[in-house]
Amino acid sequence: MDRIPILTMGHFLLVTIQVDMHDQLALTLQDDLTNKITSTLAKGVLIDISSLEIVDSFIGRMLGNISSMARVLGAGSVVVGMQPAVAITLVELGLSLTGVYTALDVEKGMQLLRRQIDADFYHLTTDGNFVEI
């Protein structure tokens, strides 16, 4: 059975989709990722879809579901590397991917994940300082 590798980088998980996604592979990724989040106590998940040139409505919904499941398990998530054609297709299919954070590349995605985690543990005061909560 095909599987998409999930790498652990400190408190983060990195998923790089290098193959065309089919429905069963997406379902397997969903199961593998949720299990990995709980086993590693990951605080963030970065999903790199830069190799995906096309998506259908099922794969689009799965990206949204994976992000929601990660959030329920206490991990932020960011989808990075979305090709313009993929973005156009998702919008044309009516999939707004509510609650899914996106970034142009891995570096910007990691910065966004770090900010999400900081926001979970710290509160920005009106004078611009962070206080632990």
N, C-alpha and C. Protein backbone atom coordinates (compact mmCIF):
# COMPACT_ATOMS: atom_id res chain seq x y z
N MET A 1 0.84 -1.18 0.00
CA MET A 1 0.00 0.00 0.00
C MET A 1 0.88 1.24 0.00
N ASP A 2 0.54 2.20 -0.83
CA ASP A 2 1.28 3.46 -0.89
C ASP A 2 1.05 4.27 0.37
N ARG A 3 2.10 4.97 0.79
CA ARG A 3 2.00 5.87 1.94
C ARG A 3 2.83 7.10 1.65
N ILE A 4 2.37 8.22 2.18
CA ILE A 4 3.12 9.46 2.07
C ILE A 4 3.93 9.60 3.35
N PRO A 5 5.24 9.80 3.24
CA PRO A 5 6.07 9.90 4.44
C PRO A 5 5.73 11.14 5.26
N ILE A 6 5.80 10.97 6.57
CA ILE A 6 5.58 12.07 7.52
C ILE A 6 6.85 12.20 8.34
N LEU A 7 7.54 13.32 8.18
CA LEU A 7 8.80 13.55 8.89
C LEU A 7 8.56 14.36 10.15
N THR A 8 9.31 14.04 11.20
CA THR A 8 9.23 14.79 12.44
C THR A 8 10.41 15.75 12.50
N MET A 9 10.09 17.04 12.74
CA MET A 9 11.11 18.08 12.87
C MET A 9 10.83 18.84 14.16
N GLY A 10 11.41 18.37 15.25
CA GLY A 10 11.13 18.99 16.54
C GLY A 10 9.67 18.81 16.90
N HIS A 11 8.96 19.92 17.12
CA HIS A 11 7.54 19.87 17.49
C HIS A 11 6.63 19.87 16.26
N PHE A 12 7.22 19.79 15.06
CA PHE A 12 6.45 19.88 13.83
C PHE A 12 6.51 18.58 13.04
N LEU A 13 5.49 18.36 12.24
CA LEU A 13 5.47 17.27 11.28
C LEU A 13 5.48 17.87 9.89
N LEU A 14 6.25 17.27 9.00
CA LEU A 14 6.35 17.74 7.63
C LEU A 14 5.85 16.64 6.70
N VAL A 15 4.85 16.99 5.89
CA VAL A 15 4.28 16.08 4.92
C VAL A 15 4.53 16.68 3.54
N THR A 16 5.28 15.96 2.72
CA THR A 16 5.55 16.43 1.37
C THR A 16 4.90 15.46 0.40
N ILE A 17 3.89 15.93 -0.29
CA ILE A 17 3.16 15.09 -1.23
C ILE A 17 3.88 15.18 -2.58
N GLN A 18 4.52 14.07 -2.96
CA GLN A 18 5.33 14.04 -4.18
C GLN A 18 4.68 13.23 -5.30
N VAL A 19 3.50 12.70 -5.04
CA VAL A 19 2.82 11.85 -6.03
C VAL A 19 1.41 12.39 -6.25
N ASP A 20 0.80 11.96 -7.35
CA ASP A 20 -0.60 12.32 -7.57
C ASP A 20 -1.45 11.66 -6.50
N MET A 21 -2.28 12.45 -5.88
CA MET A 21 -3.13 11.93 -4.81
C MET A 21 -4.35 11.23 -5.41
N HIS A 22 -4.62 10.05 -4.89
CA HIS A 22 -5.87 9.39 -5.20
C HIS A 22 -6.62 9.22 -3.89
N ASP A 23 -7.88 8.88 -3.97
CA ASP A 23 -8.74 8.90 -2.79
C ASP A 23 -8.21 8.03 -1.65
N GLN A 24 -7.80 6.81 -1.94
CA GLN A 24 -7.33 5.91 -0.87
C GLN A 24 -6.05 6.43 -0.24
N LEU A 25 -5.16 7.01 -1.04
CA LEU A 25 -3.92 7.57 -0.50
C LEU A 25 -4.22 8.74 0.44
N ALA A 26 -5.20 9.56 0.09
CA ALA A 26 -5.60 10.68 0.94
C ALA A 26 -6.18 10.18 2.27
N LEU A 27 -6.99 9.13 2.22
CA LEU A 27 -7.56 8.57 3.45
C LEU A 27 -6.47 7.96 4.32
N THR A 28 -5.51 7.29 3.70
CA THR A 28 -4.39 6.71 4.45
C THR A 28 -3.56 7.81 5.09
N LEU A 29 -3.31 8.90 4.36
CA LEU A 29 -2.56 10.04 4.91
C LEU A 29 -3.30 10.61 6.12
N GLN A 30 -4.60 10.76 6.00
CA GLN A 30 -5.40 11.28 7.11
C GLN A 30 -5.21 10.43 8.36
N ASP A 31 -5.31 9.12 8.22
CA ASP A 31 -5.14 8.21 9.37
C ASP A 31 -3.71 8.26 9.91
N ASP A 32 -2.73 8.18 9.01
CA ASP A 32 -1.33 8.19 9.43
C ASP A 32 -0.98 9.49 10.16
N LEU A 33 -1.46 10.61 9.62
CA LEU A 33 -1.13 11.90 10.19
C LEU A 33 -1.76 12.10 11.57
N THR A 34 -3.01 11.74 11.72
CA THR A 34 -3.65 11.90 13.04
C THR A 34 -2.97 11.01 14.07
N ASN A 35 -2.60 9.81 13.68
CA ASN A 35 -1.87 8.92 14.60
C ASN A 35 -0.51 9.50 14.97
N LYS A 36 0.18 10.07 13.98
CA LYS A 36 1.51 10.64 14.23
C LYS A 36 1.42 11.89 15.12
N ILE A 37 0.38 12.70 14.94
CA ILE A 37 0.20 13.87 15.80
C ILE A 37 0.06 13.43 17.25
N THR A 38 -0.75 12.43 17.50
CA THR A 38 -0.96 11.99 18.88
C THR A 38 0.26 11.26 19.45
N SER A 39 0.96 10.50 18.62
CA SER A 39 2.12 9.76 19.15
C SER A 39 3.32 10.65 19.42
N THR A 40 3.44 11.75 18.67
CA THR A 40 4.60 12.64 18.84
C THR A 40 4.27 13.90 19.63
N LEU A 41 2.96 14.12 19.89
CA LEU A 41 2.49 15.35 20.54
C LEU A 41 2.91 16.58 19.73
N ALA A 42 2.84 16.45 18.41
CA ALA A 42 3.23 17.53 17.51
C ALA A 42 2.37 18.77 17.76
N LYS A 43 2.99 19.92 17.61
CA LYS A 43 2.30 21.20 17.78
C LYS A 43 1.93 21.83 16.45
N GLY A 44 2.50 21.31 15.35
CA GLY A 44 2.21 21.88 14.05
C GLY A 44 2.45 20.87 12.94
N VAL A 45 1.70 21.05 11.85
CA VAL A 45 1.81 20.19 10.68
C VAL A 45 1.95 21.09 9.46
N LEU A 46 2.98 20.84 8.67
CA LEU A 46 3.19 21.56 7.42
C LEU A 46 2.97 20.58 6.29
N ILE A 47 2.03 20.89 5.39
CA ILE A 47 1.70 20.01 4.28
C ILE A 47 2.13 20.70 2.98
N ASP A 48 3.13 20.15 2.34
CA ASP A 48 3.67 20.71 1.10
C ASP A 48 3.00 20.04 -0.09
N ILE A 49 2.19 20.81 -0.83
CA ILE A 49 1.49 20.26 -1.98
C ILE A 49 2.04 20.83 -3.30
N SER A 50 3.26 21.31 -3.27
CA SER A 50 3.83 21.97 -4.46
C SER A 50 3.92 21.04 -5.67
N SER A 51 3.94 19.74 -5.47
CA SER A 51 4.01 18.80 -6.59
C SER A 51 2.64 18.48 -7.17
N LEU A 52 1.56 18.86 -6.47
CA LEU A 52 0.22 18.59 -6.99
C LEU A 52 -0.13 19.60 -8.07
N GLU A 53 -0.42 19.10 -9.25
CA GLU A 53 -0.79 19.98 -10.35
C GLU A 53 -2.29 20.08 -10.52
N ILE A 54 -3.02 19.05 -10.06
CA ILE A 54 -4.47 19.08 -10.13
C ILE A 54 -5.04 18.47 -8.85
N VAL A 55 -6.24 18.92 -8.49
CA VAL A 55 -6.97 18.33 -7.38
C VAL A 55 -8.43 18.21 -7.79
N ASP A 56 -9.10 17.26 -7.17
CA ASP A 56 -10.54 17.17 -7.36
C ASP A 56 -11.21 17.57 -6.05
N SER A 57 -12.52 17.54 -6.03
CA SER A 57 -13.25 18.01 -4.84
C SER A 57 -12.95 17.13 -3.63
N PHE A 58 -12.77 15.82 -3.83
CA PHE A 58 -12.48 14.94 -2.70
C PHE A 58 -11.14 15.29 -2.06
N ILE A 59 -10.11 15.47 -2.87
CA ILE A 59 -8.78 15.81 -2.33
C ILE A 59 -8.84 17.18 -1.66
N GLY A 60 -9.55 18.13 -2.26
CA GLY A 60 -9.70 19.44 -1.64
C GLY A 60 -10.37 19.35 -0.27
N ARG A 61 -11.44 18.57 -0.18
CA ARG A 61 -12.11 18.38 1.11
C ARG A 61 -11.19 17.68 2.11
N MET A 62 -10.40 16.73 1.63
CA MET A 62 -9.49 16.01 2.53
C MET A 62 -8.44 16.96 3.12
N LEU A 63 -7.94 17.90 2.33
CA LEU A 63 -6.99 18.88 2.87
C LEU A 63 -7.65 19.68 4.00
N GLY A 64 -8.88 20.08 3.78
CA GLY A 64 -9.61 20.79 4.83
C GLY A 64 -9.85 19.92 6.05
N ASN A 65 -10.22 18.66 5.83
CA ASN A 65 -10.47 17.74 6.94
C ASN A 65 -9.20 17.47 7.74
N ILE A 66 -8.09 17.27 7.04
CA ILE A 66 -6.82 17.02 7.73
C ILE A 66 -6.46 18.21 8.61
N SER A 67 -6.63 19.42 8.10
CA SER A 67 -6.34 20.61 8.89
C SER A 67 -7.25 20.70 10.11
N SER A 68 -8.52 20.40 9.92
CA SER A 68 -9.47 20.43 11.05
C SER A 68 -9.12 19.37 12.09
N MET A 69 -8.78 18.18 11.65
CA MET A 69 -8.42 17.11 12.58
C MET A 69 -7.16 17.46 13.36
N ALA A 70 -6.19 18.04 12.67
CA ALA A 70 -4.96 18.46 13.36
C ALA A 70 -5.30 19.47 14.45
N ARG A 71 -6.16 20.42 14.12
CA ARG A 71 -6.54 21.46 15.07
C ARG A 71 -7.23 20.86 16.29
N VAL A 72 -8.13 19.90 16.07
CA VAL A 72 -8.83 19.23 17.17
C VAL A 72 -7.84 18.48 18.06
N LEU A 73 -6.77 17.98 17.46
CA LEU A 73 -5.74 17.25 18.22
C LEU A 73 -4.68 18.18 18.81
N GLY A 74 -4.86 19.49 18.68
CA GLY A 74 -3.97 20.45 19.31
C GLY A 74 -2.79 20.89 18.47
N ALA A 75 -2.84 20.62 17.17
CA ALA A 75 -1.73 21.01 16.29
C ALA A 75 -2.22 22.00 15.24
N GLY A 76 -1.45 23.05 15.04
CA GLY A 76 -1.75 23.96 13.94
C GLY A 76 -1.35 23.30 12.64
N SER A 77 -1.85 23.84 11.54
CA SER A 77 -1.45 23.29 10.25
C SER A 77 -1.40 24.39 9.21
N VAL A 78 -0.51 24.19 8.25
CA VAL A 78 -0.34 25.12 7.14
C VAL A 78 -0.12 24.30 5.87
N VAL A 79 -0.84 24.66 4.83
CA VAL A 79 -0.65 24.04 3.51
C VAL A 79 0.22 25.00 2.71
N VAL A 80 1.31 24.50 2.14
CA VAL A 80 2.24 25.35 1.40
C VAL A 80 2.41 24.85 -0.03
N GLY A 81 2.85 25.79 -0.90
CA GLY A 81 3.24 25.43 -2.25
C GLY A 81 2.09 25.20 -3.22
N MET A 82 0.94 25.78 -2.94
CA MET A 82 -0.20 25.55 -3.83
C MET A 82 0.04 26.20 -5.20
N GLN A 83 -0.08 25.39 -6.24
CA GLN A 83 0.05 25.87 -7.60
C GLN A 83 -1.16 26.74 -7.96
N PRO A 84 -0.97 27.75 -8.82
CA PRO A 84 -2.11 28.59 -9.22
C PRO A 84 -3.29 27.79 -9.78
N ALA A 85 -3.02 26.77 -10.57
CA ALA A 85 -4.11 25.97 -11.15
C ALA A 85 -4.91 25.25 -10.06
N VAL A 86 -4.21 24.82 -9.01
CA VAL A 86 -4.89 24.16 -7.89
C VAL A 86 -5.78 25.15 -7.16
N ALA A 87 -5.26 26.34 -6.90
CA ALA A 87 -6.05 27.38 -6.22
C ALA A 87 -7.29 27.71 -7.04
N ILE A 88 -7.13 27.87 -8.35
CA ILE A 88 -8.26 28.18 -9.23
C ILE A 88 -9.29 27.06 -9.18
N THR A 89 -8.83 25.83 -9.25
CA THR A 89 -9.74 24.69 -9.22
C THR A 89 -10.52 24.63 -7.91
N LEU A 90 -9.83 24.83 -6.78
CA LEU A 90 -10.51 24.79 -5.49
C LEU A 90 -11.60 25.85 -5.40
N VAL A 91 -11.30 27.05 -5.88
CA VAL A 91 -12.29 28.13 -5.86
C VAL A 91 -13.45 27.80 -6.80
N GLU A 92 -13.14 27.31 -7.99
CA GLU A 92 -14.20 26.96 -8.94
C GLU A 92 -15.09 25.84 -8.43
N LEU A 93 -14.52 24.94 -7.63
CA LEU A 93 -15.31 23.86 -7.04
C LEU A 93 -16.12 24.33 -5.83
N GLY A 94 -15.88 25.58 -5.41
CA GLY A 94 -16.61 26.12 -4.26
C GLY A 94 -16.04 25.69 -2.93
N LEU A 95 -14.79 25.24 -2.92
CA LEU A 95 -14.14 24.80 -1.68
C LEU A 95 -13.31 25.95 -1.13
N SER A 96 -13.83 26.61 -0.11
CA SER A 96 -13.12 27.76 0.46
C SER A 96 -12.04 27.33 1.45
N LEU A 97 -12.07 26.06 1.88
CA LEU A 97 -11.11 25.53 2.85
C LEU A 97 -11.04 26.43 4.10
N THR A 98 -12.18 26.69 4.65
CA THR A 98 -12.29 27.51 5.86
C THR A 98 -11.40 26.95 6.96
N GLY A 99 -10.63 27.82 7.57
CA GLY A 99 -9.76 27.42 8.67
C GLY A 99 -8.43 26.84 8.24
N VAL A 100 -8.19 26.72 6.94
CA VAL A 100 -6.92 26.20 6.44
C VAL A 100 -5.99 27.37 6.18
N TYR A 101 -4.87 27.38 6.86
CA TYR A 101 -3.86 28.42 6.64
C TYR A 101 -2.97 27.98 5.49
N THR A 102 -2.58 28.95 4.66
CA THR A 102 -1.72 28.64 3.53
C THR A 102 -0.54 29.60 3.51
N ALA A 103 0.54 29.16 2.88
CA ALA A 103 1.73 29.99 2.68
C ALA A 103 2.31 29.60 1.34
N LEU A 104 3.11 30.51 0.78
CA LEU A 104 3.66 30.27 -0.55
C LEU A 104 4.72 29.18 -0.57
N ASP A 105 5.55 29.10 0.49
CA ASP A 105 6.63 28.11 0.49
C ASP A 105 6.84 27.58 1.91
N VAL A 106 7.74 26.61 2.01
CA VAL A 106 7.99 25.94 3.29
C VAL A 106 8.50 26.92 4.34
N GLU A 107 9.41 27.81 3.96
CA GLU A 107 9.96 28.77 4.92
C GLU A 107 8.87 29.65 5.52
N LYS A 108 8.02 30.19 4.67
CA LYS A 108 6.93 31.04 5.16
C LYS A 108 5.92 30.22 5.96
N GLY A 109 5.72 28.99 5.55
CA GLY A 109 4.82 28.10 6.29
C GLY A 109 5.31 27.81 7.69
N MET A 110 6.61 27.57 7.83
CA MET A 110 7.18 27.32 9.16
C MET A 110 7.07 28.56 10.04
N GLN A 111 7.28 29.74 9.46
CA GLN A 111 7.12 30.97 10.23
C GLN A 111 5.68 31.11 10.72
N LEU A 112 4.73 30.79 9.86
CA LEU A 112 3.32 30.87 10.24
C LEU A 112 2.99 29.87 11.34
N LEU A 113 3.51 28.66 11.24
CA LEU A 113 3.28 27.66 12.29
C LEU A 113 3.86 28.13 13.63
N ARG A 114 5.06 28.69 13.60
CA ARG A 114 5.67 29.18 14.84
C ARG A 114 4.82 30.28 15.46
N ARG A 115 4.28 31.17 14.62
CA ARG A 115 3.42 32.24 15.14
C ARG A 115 2.14 31.66 15.73
N GLN A 116 1.59 30.62 15.10
CA GLN A 116 0.40 29.98 15.64
C GLN A 116 0.68 29.40 17.02
N ILE A 117 1.80 28.73 17.15
CA ILE A 117 2.16 28.12 18.44
C ILE A 117 2.41 29.19 19.48
N ASP A 118 3.13 30.25 19.11
CA ASP A 118 3.36 31.35 20.04
C ASP A 118 2.04 31.95 20.50
N ALA A 119 1.09 32.09 19.59
CA ALA A 119 -0.21 32.66 19.94
C ALA A 119 -0.96 31.77 20.92
N ASP A 120 -0.72 30.44 20.86
CA ASP A 120 -1.36 29.52 21.79
C ASP A 120 -0.83 29.67 23.21
N PHE A 121 0.44 30.05 23.34
CA PHE A 121 1.08 30.10 24.65
C PHE A 121 1.29 31.51 25.19
N TYR A 122 1.19 32.49 24.33
CA TYR A 122 1.46 33.86 24.73
C TYR A 122 0.34 34.77 24.25
N HIS A 123 0.17 35.84 24.95
CA HIS A 123 -0.82 36.85 24.58
C HIS A 123 -0.09 38.16 24.32
N LEU A 124 -0.40 38.79 23.20
CA LEU A 124 0.21 40.06 22.86
C LEU A 124 -0.55 41.16 23.60
N THR A 125 0.16 41.92 24.42
CA THR A 125 -0.47 43.00 25.17
C THR A 125 -0.55 44.25 24.31
N THR A 126 -1.30 45.24 24.78
CA THR A 126 -1.47 46.47 24.00
C THR A 126 -0.17 47.24 23.83
N ASP A 127 0.81 47.01 24.72
CA ASP A 127 2.08 47.72 24.58
C ASP A 127 3.09 46.94 23.72
N GLY A 128 2.63 45.85 23.07
CA GLY A 128 3.48 45.12 22.15
C GLY A 128 4.33 44.03 22.77
N ASN A 129 4.12 43.74 24.05
CA ASN A 129 4.87 42.68 24.73
C ASN A 129 4.04 41.40 24.79
N PHE A 130 4.74 40.27 24.87
CA PHE A 130 4.06 39.00 25.02
C PHE A 130 4.09 38.60 26.49
N VAL A 131 2.97 38.08 26.98
CA VAL A 131 2.92 37.52 28.32
C VAL A 131 2.44 36.09 28.20
N GLU A 132 3.01 35.22 29.01
CA GLU A 132 2.64 33.81 28.96
C GLU A 132 1.27 33.63 29.58
N ILE A 133 0.46 32.77 28.94
CA ILE A 133 -0.87 32.49 29.48
C ILE A 133 -0.99 31.05 29.88
